[in-house]
Amino acid sequence: MRRVAALAVLPLAAVTACSGGDLPDGLKVAGVVGRQPTVTIPGSSPSGKLKVETLRKGKGPEVADGDLVVANYVGYRWNGGDHKLVASSYDAGRPAMFPYGRLVTGLNKALEGQRPGGRVLAVIPPNQGYGAGGYAPWQIGANDSMVFVLDVIATYHNGASAQGQPQLQNDPAMPQVTPGATPRMKIPSTAPPGRLRVRTIIQGSGPPVQAHQLVVFHDLGQVWRTGKVFEDSRGRGRPDSVVAGAGQMISGWDRAVVGQRVGSRVLVVIPSKDGYGATGHAASGIKKNDTLAFVIDVLAAY
């Protein structure tokens, strides 16, 4: 879906400290998994080779193709005697989402085979990182290596779906949603509702989604007028994520998701004023004043 403007969680009590002895390129990493690590980077230059070291093995399913990986991380720029912390999910106050298979080569290799609860260190040279162009938001230049320490929290496969208590669908004015892990919608041949409508199809048992939490979801979106599917996260091959209630999505989608319990599947009918309005979205087949219908599976919130 176009934005308007990217499982088992182990508690801290279950993890142990890890520290760097003979780590790649003389690095040292200290601290418990789940809290921001202390990373000591030497004054020498990195080797220029990709180095990956699992500092703590996790448990549960391995990261696999099509997974959305939830992880906390710190990222450092390293170029000879110069090194600097350039990114930290701990400082941001929420974990980050890593679409495995679509990351820079070094990060994909670092996450390969990792499991929830694990910690991995990666030293990524430019040719397996951001290349000659660098990455301006993090002030990474063409010759800079990256040092990442990632604490894997969870992995979500493309087959993930809502888990909870099915609810009756008895409103003929609303689309009917097929049951199962891959829902489909049948839109009625009647005029759409004139206001935002939200119905719970599966009632989850997790905590309610709060505004500004990072939400992991699957969704299916169709144009009421034509039935055209314009959004299908499962068709893209992996779950998606967004900061709910932060204006990253159309307002009707945001309003529908905030307050839903994790594990729920919700049916949402969004009038144009809460969608793409008088402008529409031509590339998606959405004309001005089109009403939209969504099925959203709320998989997790952080």
C-alpha atoms as a PDB file:
ATOM      1  CA  MET A   1       0.000   0.000   0.000  1.00  0.00           C
ATOM      2  CA  ARG A   2       1.223   3.463  -0.769  1.00  0.00           C
ATOM      3  CA  ARG A   3       2.111   5.372   2.356  1.00  0.00           C
ATOM      4  CA  VAL A   4       1.056   8.973   2.643  1.00  0.00           C
ATOM      5  CA  ALA A   5       4.585  10.478   3.051  1.00  0.00           C
ATOM      6  CA  ALA A   6       9.205  -0.445   6.252  1.00  0.00           C
ATOM      7  CA  LEU A   7       6.111 -14.717  17.605  1.00  0.00           C
ATOM      8  CA  ALA A   8       8.147 -15.601  20.386  1.00  0.00           C
ATOM      9  CA  VAL A   9       9.780 -12.738  22.219  1.00  0.00           C
ATOM     10  CA  LEU A  10      12.406 -13.706  24.787  1.00  0.00           C
ATOM     11  CA  PRO A  11      12.399 -11.697  28.034  1.00  0.00           C
ATOM     12  CA  LEU A  12      15.567 -10.098  29.329  1.00  0.00           C
ATOM     13  CA  ALA A  13      15.646 -12.551  32.219  1.00  0.00           C
ATOM     14  CA  ALA A  14      16.194 -15.382  29.757  1.00  0.00           C
ATOM     15  CA  VAL A  15      19.363 -13.988  28.196  1.00  0.00           C
ATOM     16  CA  THR A  16      22.970 -13.863  29.275  1.00  0.00           C
ATOM     17  CA  ALA A  17      25.797 -11.414  28.861  1.00  0.00           C
ATOM     18  CA  CYS A  18      28.066 -11.699  25.881  1.00  0.00           C
ATOM     19  CA  SER A  19      31.433 -10.101  25.425  1.00  0.00           C
ATOM     20  CA  GLY A  20      34.022  -9.947  22.726  1.00  0.00           C
ATOM     21  CA  GLY A  21      37.182 -11.909  23.138  1.00  0.00           C
ATOM     22  CA  ASP A  22      38.581 -12.906  19.757  1.00  0.00           C
ATOM     23  CA  LEU A  23      35.977 -11.181  17.593  1.00  0.00           C
ATOM     24  CA  PRO A  24      36.314 -10.075  13.952  1.00  0.00           C
ATOM     25  CA  ASP A  25      38.763  -7.213  13.377  1.00  0.00           C
ATOM     26  CA  GLY A  26      39.543  -6.930  17.103  1.00  0.00           C
ATOM     27  CA  LEU A  27      36.091  -5.623  18.037  1.00  0.00           C
ATOM     28  CA  LYS A  28      34.613  -6.056  21.503  1.00  0.00           C
ATOM     29  CA  VAL A  29      30.916  -6.319  22.315  1.00  0.00           C
ATOM     30  CA  ALA A  30      29.560  -6.399  25.867  1.00  0.00           C
ATOM     31  CA  GLY A  31      26.111  -6.408  27.466  1.00  0.00           C
ATOM     32  CA  VAL A  32      23.003  -8.561  27.679  1.00  0.00           C
ATOM     33  CA  VAL A  33      20.899  -9.380  24.660  1.00  0.00           C
ATOM     34  CA  GLY A  34      17.891  -7.075  24.616  1.00  0.00           C
ATOM     35  CA  ARG A  35      19.734  -4.042  25.937  1.00  0.00           C
ATOM     36  CA  GLN A  36      21.946  -1.653  23.983  1.00  0.00           C
ATOM     37  CA  PRO A  37      25.369  -3.270  23.692  1.00  0.00           C
ATOM     38  CA  THR A  38      28.679  -1.582  24.375  1.00  0.00           C
ATOM     39  CA  VAL A  39      30.804  -1.847  21.236  1.00  0.00           C
ATOM     40  CA  THR A  40      34.544  -1.150  21.334  1.00  0.00           C
ATOM     41  CA  ILE A  41      36.058  -0.478  17.916  1.00  0.00           C
ATOM     42  CA  PRO A  42      39.876  -0.426  17.603  1.00  0.00           C
ATOM     43  CA  GLY A  43      41.808   2.429  16.067  1.00  0.00           C
ATOM     44  CA  SER A  44      43.068   0.226  13.247  1.00  0.00           C
ATOM     45  CA  SER A  45      41.419  -0.072   9.848  1.00  0.00           C
ATOM     46  CA  PRO A  46      38.824  -2.785   9.137  1.00  0.00           C
ATOM     47  CA  SER A  47      40.042  -5.744   7.102  1.00  0.00           C
ATOM     48  CA  GLY A  48      37.845  -4.942   4.103  1.00  0.00           C
ATOM     49  CA  LYS A  49      36.235  -8.376   4.287  1.00  0.00           C
ATOM     50  CA  LEU A  50      32.767  -9.325   5.461  1.00  0.00           C
ATOM     51  CA  LYS A  51      32.935 -10.767   8.974  1.00  0.00           C
ATOM     52  CA  VAL A  52      29.906 -12.260  10.714  1.00  0.00           C
ATOM     53  CA  GLU A  53      29.921 -13.742  14.207  1.00  0.00           C
ATOM     54  CA  THR A  54      26.972 -15.110  16.187  1.00  0.00           C
ATOM     55  CA  LEU A  55      27.528 -13.855  19.737  1.00  0.00           C
ATOM     56  CA  ARG A  56      24.536 -15.669  21.175  1.00  0.00           C
ATOM     57  CA  LYS A  57      22.440 -18.359  19.533  1.00  0.00           C
ATOM     58  CA  GLY A  58      18.711 -17.882  19.650  1.00  0.00           C
ATOM     59  CA  LYS A  59      15.853 -20.365  19.674  1.00  0.00           C
ATOM     60  CA  GLY A  60      12.857 -20.882  17.438  1.00  0.00           C
ATOM     61  CA  PRO A  61      12.535 -20.658  13.648  1.00  0.00           C
ATOM     62  CA  GLU A  62      15.533 -19.615  11.585  1.00  0.00           C
ATOM     63  CA  VAL A  63      15.308 -16.502   9.455  1.00  0.00           C
ATOM     64  CA  ALA A  64      14.197 -17.611   5.986  1.00  0.00           C
ATOM     65  CA  ASP A  65      13.413 -16.073   2.602  1.00  0.00           C
ATOM     66  CA  GLY A  66      10.340 -13.858   2.730  1.00  0.00           C
ATOM     67  CA  ASP A  67      10.642 -13.176   6.465  1.00  0.00           C
ATOM     68  CA  LEU A  68      10.179  -9.836   8.101  1.00  0.00           C
ATOM     69  CA  VAL A  69      12.731  -9.776  10.920  1.00  0.00           C
ATOM     70  CA  VAL A  70      12.167  -7.676  14.028  1.00  0.00           C
ATOM     71  CA  ALA A  71      15.431  -6.700  15.696  1.00  0.00           C
ATOM     72  CA  ASN A  72      17.033  -4.118  17.890  1.00  0.00           C
ATOM     73  CA  TYR A  73      20.367  -2.915  16.591  1.00  0.00           C
ATOM     74  CA  VAL A  74      23.228  -0.473  16.730  1.00  0.00           C
ATOM     75  CA  GLY A  75      25.108   0.596  13.618  1.00  0.00           C
ATOM     76  CA  TYR A  76      28.562   2.219  13.468  1.00  0.00           C
ATOM     77  CA  ARG A  77      30.489   3.835  10.642  1.00  0.00           C
ATOM     78  CA  TRP A  78      34.128   2.686  10.602  1.00  0.00           C
ATOM     79  CA  ASN A  79      36.955   4.029   8.484  1.00  0.00           C
ATOM     80  CA  GLY A  80      40.401   3.538   9.930  1.00  0.00           C
ATOM     81  CA  GLY A  81      40.749   5.450  13.172  1.00  0.00           C
ATOM     82  CA  ASP A  82      37.384   7.123  12.651  1.00  0.00           C
ATOM     83  CA  HIS A  83      34.254   5.436  13.952  1.00  0.00           C
ATOM     84  CA  LYS A  84      30.898   6.753  15.030  1.00  0.00           C
ATOM     85  CA  LEU A  85      27.516   5.425  16.176  1.00  0.00           C
ATOM     86  CA  VAL A  86      25.162   6.436  13.360  1.00  0.00           C
ATOM     87  CA  ALA A  87      21.971   4.509  14.141  1.00  0.00           C
ATOM     88  CA  SER A  88      20.376   2.824  17.151  1.00  0.00           C
ATOM     89  CA  SER A  89      16.914   1.356  17.547  1.00  0.00           C
ATOM     90  CA  TYR A  90      17.430   1.668  21.301  1.00  0.00           C
ATOM     91  CA  ASP A  91      17.744   5.424  20.944  1.00  0.00           C
ATOM     92  CA  ALA A  92      14.660   5.450  18.691  1.00  0.00           C
ATOM     93  CA  GLY A  93      12.635   3.659  21.380  1.00  0.00           C
ATOM     94  CA  ARG A  94      11.351   0.845  19.176  1.00  0.00           C
ATOM     95  CA  PRO A  95      12.869  -2.063  17.236  1.00  0.00           C
ATOM     96  CA  ALA A  96      13.423  -1.980  13.493  1.00  0.00           C
ATOM     97  CA  MET A  97      12.058  -4.180  10.723  1.00  0.00           C
ATOM     98  CA  PHE A  98      14.430  -5.929   8.336  1.00  0.00           C
ATOM     99  CA  PRO A  99      12.868  -7.463   5.174  1.00  0.00           C
ATOM    100  CA  TYR A 100      15.230 -10.395   4.775  1.00  0.00           C
ATOM    101  CA  GLY A 101      16.364 -10.840   1.171  1.00  0.00           C
ATOM    102  CA  ARG A 102      15.924  -7.166   0.339  1.00  0.00           C
ATOM    103  CA  LEU A 103      18.709  -5.754   2.505  1.00  0.00           C
ATOM    104  CA  VAL A 104      22.263  -4.864   1.569  1.00  0.00           C
ATOM    105  CA  THR A 105      24.270  -8.042   0.980  1.00  0.00           C
ATOM    106  CA  GLY A 106      26.177  -7.924   4.260  1.00  0.00           C
ATOM    107  CA  LEU A 107      23.034  -7.562   6.374  1.00  0.00           C
ATOM    108  CA  ASN A 108      21.321 -10.402   4.535  1.00  0.00           C
ATOM    109  CA  LYS A 109      24.317 -12.636   5.251  1.00  0.00           C
ATOM    110  CA  ALA A 110      24.410 -11.551   8.881  1.00  0.00           C
ATOM    111  CA  LEU A 111      20.759 -12.466   9.462  1.00  0.00           C
ATOM    112  CA  GLU A 112      20.907 -15.756   7.559  1.00  0.00           C
ATOM    113  CA  GLY A 113      20.136 -18.641   9.914  1.00  0.00           C
ATOM    114  CA  GLN A 114      19.633 -16.419  12.970  1.00  0.00           C
ATOM    115  CA  ARG A 115      16.861 -17.180  15.476  1.00  0.00           C
ATOM    116  CA  PRO A 116      14.817 -15.074  17.928  1.00  0.00           C
ATOM    117  CA  GLY A 117      16.781 -14.324  21.082  1.00  0.00           C
ATOM    118  CA  GLY A 118      20.116 -14.340  19.283  1.00  0.00           C
ATOM    119  CA  ARG A 119      22.734 -11.639  18.869  1.00  0.00           C
ATOM    120  CA  VAL A 120      24.918 -11.287  15.784  1.00  0.00           C
ATOM    121  CA  LEU A 121      27.865  -9.015  14.968  1.00  0.00           C
ATOM    122  CA  ALA A 122      28.607  -8.033  11.377  1.00  0.00           C
ATOM    123  CA  VAL A 123      31.480  -6.023   9.934  1.00  0.00           C
ATOM    124  CA  ILE A 124      30.323  -5.034   6.450  1.00  0.00           C
ATOM    125  CA  PRO A 125      32.767  -3.630   3.866  1.00  0.00           C
ATOM    126  CA  PRO A 126      31.515  -1.057   1.334  1.00  0.00           C
ATOM    127  CA  ASN A 127      31.195  -3.575  -1.502  1.00  0.00           C
ATOM    128  CA  GLN A 128      28.657  -5.566   0.554  1.00  0.00           C
ATOM    129  CA  GLY A 129      27.103  -2.534   2.160  1.00  0.00           C
ATOM    130  CA  TYR A 130      26.172   0.848   0.733  1.00  0.00           C
ATOM    131  CA  GLY A 131      28.763   0.834  -2.048  1.00  0.00           C
ATOM    132  CA  ALA A 132      30.425   3.772  -3.720  1.00  0.00           C
ATOM    133  CA  GLY A 133      27.406   5.986  -3.162  1.00  0.00           C
ATOM    134  CA  GLY A 134      27.482   5.598   0.605  1.00  0.00           C
ATOM    135  CA  TYR A 135      24.373   6.438   2.611  1.00  0.00           C
ATOM    136  CA  ALA A 136      23.937  10.123   3.329  1.00  0.00           C
ATOM    137  CA  PRO A 137      21.330   9.844   6.150  1.00  0.00           C
ATOM    138  CA  TRP A 138      23.957   8.002   8.223  1.00  0.00           C
ATOM    139  CA  GLN A 139      26.927  10.005   6.880  1.00  0.00           C
ATOM    140  CA  ILE A 140      28.425   6.852   5.375  1.00  0.00           C
ATOM    141  CA  GLY A 141      30.987   7.546   2.685  1.00  0.00           C
ATOM    142  CA  ALA A 142      32.232   5.449  -0.218  1.00  0.00           C
ATOM    143  CA  ASN A 143      35.111   3.934   1.779  1.00  0.00           C
ATOM    144  CA  ASP A 144      33.306   3.383   5.056  1.00  0.00           C
ATOM    145  CA  SER A 145      32.674  -0.043   6.526  1.00  0.00           C
ATOM    146  CA  MET A 146      29.700  -0.648   8.815  1.00  0.00           C
ATOM    147  CA  VAL A 147      29.581  -2.450  12.142  1.00  0.00           C
ATOM    148  CA  PHE A 148      26.186  -3.809  13.159  1.00  0.00           C
ATOM    149  CA  VAL A 149      25.156  -5.622  16.322  1.00  0.00           C
ATOM    150  CA  LEU A 150      21.647  -7.020  15.945  1.00  0.00           C
ATOM    151  CA  ASP A 151      19.466  -8.611  18.636  1.00  0.00           C
ATOM    152  CA  VAL A 152      16.808 -10.664  16.859  1.00  0.00           C
ATOM    153  CA  ILE A 153      13.428 -10.398  18.573  1.00  0.00           C
ATOM    154  CA  ALA A 154      11.097 -12.211  16.168  1.00  0.00           C
ATOM    155  CA  THR A 155      10.591 -13.410  12.602  1.00  0.00           C
ATOM    156  CA  TYR A 156       7.328 -13.304  10.664  1.00  0.00           C
ATOM    157  CA  HIS A 157       6.813 -15.567   7.661  1.00  0.00           C
ATOM    158  CA  ASN A 158       4.585 -14.736   4.712  1.00  0.00           C
ATOM    159  CA  GLY A 159       2.163 -17.382   5.968  1.00  0.00           C
ATOM    160  CA  ALA A 160       1.586 -15.591   9.277  1.00  0.00           C
ATOM    161  CA  SER A 161      -2.043 -14.698   9.896  1.00  0.00           C
ATOM    162  CA  ALA A 162      -4.503 -13.544  12.546  1.00  0.00           C
ATOM    163  CA  GLN A 163      -4.939 -15.918  15.470  1.00  0.00           C
ATOM    164  CA  GLY A 164      -8.019 -15.583  17.623  1.00  0.00           C
ATOM    165  CA  GLN A 165     -11.757 -16.153  17.924  1.00  0.00           C
ATOM    166  CA  PRO A 166     -13.767 -15.922  14.650  1.00  0.00           C
ATOM    167  CA  GLN A 167     -16.667 -13.466  14.761  1.00  0.00           C
ATOM    168  CA  LEU A 168     -19.984 -13.566  12.923  1.00  0.00           C
ATOM    169  CA  GLN A 169     -20.255 -11.737   9.605  1.00  0.00           C
ATOM    170  CA  ASN A 170     -23.919 -10.858   9.403  1.00  0.00           C
ATOM    171  CA  ASP A 171     -24.010  -7.398   7.838  1.00  0.00           C
ATOM    172  CA  PRO A 172     -25.125  -7.626   4.169  1.00  0.00           C
ATOM    173  CA  ALA A 173     -23.951  -4.059   3.578  1.00  0.00           C
ATOM    174  CA  MET A 174     -20.348  -5.054   4.323  1.00  0.00           C
ATOM    175  CA  PRO A 175     -17.991  -7.207   2.230  1.00  0.00           C
ATOM    176  CA  GLN A 176     -17.848 -10.895   3.115  1.00  0.00           C
ATOM    177  CA  VAL A 177     -14.419 -12.239   4.050  1.00  0.00           C
ATOM    178  CA  THR A 178     -13.454 -15.860   3.429  1.00  0.00           C
ATOM    179  CA  PRO A 179     -11.883 -17.671   6.402  1.00  0.00           C
ATOM    180  CA  GLY A 180      -8.369 -19.101   6.434  1.00  0.00           C
ATOM    181  CA  ALA A 181      -4.787 -17.898   6.367  1.00  0.00           C
ATOM    182  CA  THR A 182      -5.246 -16.129   2.994  1.00  0.00           C
ATOM    183  CA  PRO A 183      -8.513 -14.192   3.184  1.00  0.00           C
ATOM    184  CA  ARG A 184     -10.403 -12.876   0.213  1.00  0.00           C
ATOM    185  CA  MET A 185     -13.232 -10.340   0.021  1.00  0.00           C
ATOM    186  CA  LYS A 186     -16.506 -10.325  -1.883  1.00  0.00           C
ATOM    187  CA  ILE A 187     -17.797  -6.779  -2.139  1.00  0.00           C
ATOM    188  CA  PRO A 188     -21.607  -6.443  -2.299  1.00  0.00           C
ATOM    189  CA  SER A 189     -23.218  -4.919  -5.384  1.00  0.00           C
ATOM    190  CA  THR A 190     -24.689  -2.075  -3.363  1.00  0.00           C
ATOM    191  CA  ALA A 191     -23.660   1.489  -2.676  1.00  0.00           C
ATOM    192  CA  PRO A 192     -20.817   1.706  -0.142  1.00  0.00           C
ATOM    193  CA  PRO A 193     -21.316   3.125   3.336  1.00  0.00           C
ATOM    194  CA  GLY A 194     -20.792   6.845   3.570  1.00  0.00           C
ATOM    195  CA  ARG A 195     -18.638   6.661   6.678  1.00  0.00           C
ATOM    196  CA  LEU A 196     -15.710   4.670   8.030  1.00  0.00           C
ATOM    197  CA  ARG A 197     -16.827   1.170   9.028  1.00  0.00           C
ATOM    198  CA  VAL A 198     -14.687  -1.256  11.037  1.00  0.00           C
ATOM    199  CA  ARG A 199     -15.688  -4.841  11.849  1.00  0.00           C
ATOM    200  CA  THR A 200     -13.678  -7.465  13.714  1.00  0.00           C
ATOM    201  CA  ILE A 201     -13.561 -10.749  11.769  1.00  0.00           C
ATOM    202  CA  ILE A 202     -11.165 -12.521  14.160  1.00  0.00           C
ATOM    203  CA  GLN A 203     -10.799 -11.253  17.716  1.00  0.00           C
ATOM    204  CA  GLY A 204      -7.200 -11.455  18.858  1.00  0.00           C
ATOM    205  CA  SER A 205      -6.135 -11.829  22.466  1.00  0.00           C
ATOM    206  CA  GLY A 206      -3.020  -9.643  22.424  1.00  0.00           C
ATOM    207  CA  PRO A 207      -2.644  -6.091  23.752  1.00  0.00           C
ATOM    208  CA  PRO A 208      -4.355  -3.226  21.912  1.00  0.00           C
ATOM    209  CA  VAL A 209      -2.283  -1.364  19.327  1.00  0.00           C
ATOM    210  CA  GLN A 210      -1.271   2.052  20.576  1.00  0.00           C
ATOM    211  CA  ALA A 211      -0.645   5.100  18.427  1.00  0.00           C
ATOM    212  CA  HIS A 212       3.012   5.380  17.335  1.00  0.00           C
ATOM    213  CA  GLN A 213       3.726   1.703  17.873  1.00  0.00           C
ATOM    214  CA  LEU A 214       5.419  -0.201  15.067  1.00  0.00           C
ATOM    215  CA  VAL A 215       2.822  -2.643  13.735  1.00  0.00           C
ATOM    216  CA  VAL A 216       3.524  -5.839  11.781  1.00  0.00           C
ATOM    217  CA  PHE A 217       0.607  -6.700   9.499  1.00  0.00           C
ATOM    218  CA  HIS A 218      -0.759  -8.421   6.442  1.00  0.00           C
ATOM    219  CA  ASP A 219      -3.440  -6.680   4.423  1.00  0.00           C
ATOM    220  CA  LEU A 220      -5.583  -6.930   1.322  1.00  0.00           C
ATOM    221  CA  GLY A 221      -7.089  -3.817  -0.260  1.00  0.00           C
ATOM    222  CA  GLN A 222      -9.772  -3.578  -2.965  1.00  0.00           C
ATOM    223  CA  VAL A 223     -11.608  -0.767  -4.716  1.00  0.00           C
ATOM    224  CA  TRP A 224     -15.321  -0.993  -3.847  1.00  0.00           C
ATOM    225  CA  ARG A 225     -16.421   0.284  -7.259  1.00  0.00           C
ATOM    226  CA  THR A 226     -14.560  -2.356  -9.290  1.00  0.00           C
ATOM    227  CA  GLY A 227     -13.415  -5.007  -6.830  1.00  0.00           C
ATOM    228  CA  LYS A 228      -9.856  -4.439  -8.105  1.00  0.00           C
ATOM    229  CA  VAL A 229      -7.115  -5.618  -5.730  1.00  0.00           C
ATOM    230  CA  PHE A 230      -4.634  -2.763  -5.389  1.00  0.00           C
ATOM    231  CA  GLU A 231      -2.871  -3.884  -2.200  1.00  0.00           C
ATOM    232  CA  ASP A 232      -1.811  -7.419  -1.245  1.00  0.00           C
ATOM    233  CA  SER A 233       1.049  -7.855   1.207  1.00  0.00           C
ATOM    234  CA  ARG A 234       0.937 -11.660   0.857  1.00  0.00           C
ATOM    235  CA  GLY A 235       1.269 -11.284  -2.884  1.00  0.00           C
ATOM    236  CA  ARG A 236       4.467  -9.296  -2.301  1.00  0.00           C
ATOM    237  CA  GLY A 237       5.844 -12.250  -0.385  1.00  0.00           C
ATOM    238  CA  ARG A 238       6.203 -10.995   3.176  1.00  0.00           C
ATOM    239  CA  PRO A 239       4.358  -9.140   5.964  1.00  0.00           C
ATOM    240  CA  ASP A 240       4.698  -5.385   6.116  1.00  0.00           C
ATOM    241  CA  SER A 241       5.168  -2.876   8.936  1.00  0.00           C
ATOM    242  CA  VAL A 242       4.257   0.718   9.679  1.00  0.00           C
ATOM    243  CA  VAL A 243       4.132   3.144  12.588  1.00  0.00           C
ATOM    244  CA  ALA A 244       0.418   3.204  13.358  1.00  0.00           C
ATOM    245  CA  GLY A 245      -1.375   6.488  13.867  1.00  0.00           C
ATOM    246  CA  ALA A 246       1.590   8.519  12.641  1.00  0.00           C
ATOM    247  CA  GLY A 247       0.220   9.598   9.263  1.00  0.00           C
ATOM    248  CA  GLN A 248       2.276   7.079   7.290  1.00  0.00           C
ATOM    249  CA  MET A 249      -0.923   5.483   5.968  1.00  0.00           C
ATOM    250  CA  ILE A 250      -4.230   6.867   4.785  1.00  0.00           C
ATOM    251  CA  SER A 251      -6.193   8.102   7.775  1.00  0.00           C
ATOM    252  CA  GLY A 252      -8.933   5.450   7.595  1.00  0.00           C
ATOM    253  CA  TRP A 253      -6.357   2.649   7.782  1.00  0.00           C
ATOM    254  CA  ASP A 254      -4.679   4.299  10.774  1.00  0.00           C
ATOM    255  CA  ARG A 255      -7.955   4.865  12.589  1.00  0.00           C
ATOM    256  CA  ALA A 256      -9.004   1.263  12.038  1.00  0.00           C
ATOM    257  CA  VAL A 257      -5.788  -0.300  13.373  1.00  0.00           C
ATOM    258  CA  VAL A 258      -5.122   1.798  16.471  1.00  0.00           C
ATOM    259  CA  GLY A 259      -6.928   0.119  19.358  1.00  0.00           C
ATOM    260  CA  GLN A 260      -7.183  -3.310  17.712  1.00  0.00           C
ATOM    261  CA  ARG A 261      -5.841  -6.252  19.684  1.00  0.00           C
ATOM    262  CA  VAL A 262      -2.795  -8.045  18.344  1.00  0.00           C
ATOM    263  CA  GLY A 263      -3.897 -11.252  16.628  1.00  0.00           C
ATOM    264  CA  SER A 264      -7.052  -9.678  15.203  1.00  0.00           C
ATOM    265  CA  ARG A 265      -8.345  -9.604  11.660  1.00  0.00           C
ATOM    266  CA  VAL A 266     -10.389  -6.522  10.852  1.00  0.00           C
ATOM    267  CA  LEU A 267     -12.559  -5.564   7.910  1.00  0.00           C
ATOM    268  CA  VAL A 268     -12.449  -1.862   7.111  1.00  0.00           C
ATOM    269  CA  VAL A 269     -14.488   0.177   4.640  1.00  0.00           C
ATOM    270  CA  ILE A 270     -12.857   3.552   4.009  1.00  0.00           C
ATOM    271  CA  PRO A 271     -14.752   6.402   2.312  1.00  0.00           C
ATOM    272  CA  SER A 272     -12.744   8.669   0.066  1.00  0.00           C
ATOM    273  CA  LYS A 273     -12.431  11.454   2.636  1.00  0.00           C
ATOM    274  CA  ASP A 274     -10.482   9.019   4.825  1.00  0.00           C
ATOM    275  CA  GLY A 275      -8.633   7.528   1.844  1.00  0.00           C
ATOM    276  CA  TYR A 276      -7.277   9.158  -1.308  1.00  0.00           C
ATOM    277  CA  GLY A 277     -10.011  11.794  -1.571  1.00  0.00           C
ATOM    278  CA  ALA A 278     -10.622  13.821  -4.708  1.00  0.00           C
ATOM    279  CA  THR A 279      -7.125  13.070  -5.998  1.00  0.00           C
ATOM    280  CA  GLY A 280      -7.337   9.286  -6.060  1.00  0.00           C
ATOM    281  CA  HIS A 281      -4.301   7.163  -6.870  1.00  0.00           C
ATOM    282  CA  ALA A 282      -4.232   6.489 -10.594  1.00  0.00           C
ATOM    283  CA  ALA A 283      -1.350   3.996 -10.497  1.00  0.00           C
ATOM    284  CA  SER A 284      -3.447   1.754  -8.228  1.00  0.00           C
ATOM    285  CA  GLY A 285      -6.679   2.124 -10.203  1.00  0.00           C
ATOM    286  CA  ILE A 286      -8.203   4.320  -7.504  1.00  0.00           C
ATOM    287  CA  LYS A 287     -10.250   7.180  -8.912  1.00  0.00           C
ATOM    288  CA  LYS A 288     -11.313  10.315  -7.116  1.00  0.00           C
ATOM    289  CA  ASN A 289     -13.928   9.713  -4.437  1.00  0.00           C
ATOM    290  CA  ASP A 290     -13.445   5.916  -4.538  1.00  0.00           C
ATOM    291  CA  THR A 291     -14.355   3.918  -1.444  1.00  0.00           C
ATOM    292  CA  LEU A 292     -11.830   1.263  -0.396  1.00  0.00           C
ATOM    293  CA  ALA A 293     -12.185  -2.013   1.496  1.00  0.00           C
ATOM    294  CA  PHE A 294      -9.398  -3.674   3.492  1.00  0.00           C
ATOM    295  CA  VAL A 295      -8.835  -6.862   5.425  1.00  0.00           C
ATOM    296  CA  ILE A 296      -6.005  -6.297   7.921  1.00  0.00           C
ATOM    297  CA  ASP A 297      -4.312  -8.948  10.046  1.00  0.00           C
ATOM    298  CA  VAL A 298      -2.614  -7.340  13.048  1.00  0.00           C
ATOM    299  CA  LEU A 299       0.334  -9.672  13.680  1.00  0.00           C
ATOM    300  CA  ALA A 300       2.338  -7.745  16.270  1.00  0.00           C
ATOM    301  CA  ALA A 301       2.949  -4.317  17.779  1.00  0.00           C
ATOM    302  CA  TYR A 302       6.149  -2.927  19.310  1.00  0.00           C
END
